[in-house]
């Protein structure tokens, strides 16, 4: 297991572990409670996004972000687990409350991924590798 806050140097593995496993391949859900948009995301704040228990409950940093090409679903991952049992959904609002730096990725295009080595690193953006989306 990698230490919290560190992604694997082999970022293809750390980026795609949950994505490739198909752990979070579900359509995004929206509640009817609110329809407010975030300051920069096109999605309403009540949009459900995918993350891990480690990010949601143990406060691991988000090191991998994916914007699904097919349905526009967002995944905010720590890059430390590929176990589908670790997957959870939370609202976009709660994710942005915990990790306001994610606002800078609001323009990440569908079918793209962003990753960084540590929570202090600069984000690297690139198209999600073909055959893995």
Foldseek 3Di string as FASTA:
>chain_A
DDDFFFADPPVLCLQQLQLQVCLPPDAKDADPPDAPCPPQAPGGQRIKAKEFCCCVPVVRAFFKWAQAQPHRGIYGYRSPDNDSVRMDIDTNNVSCVSPVVCSVCSVQDHQKMWGAGGPPGDIDIDGNDPPRD
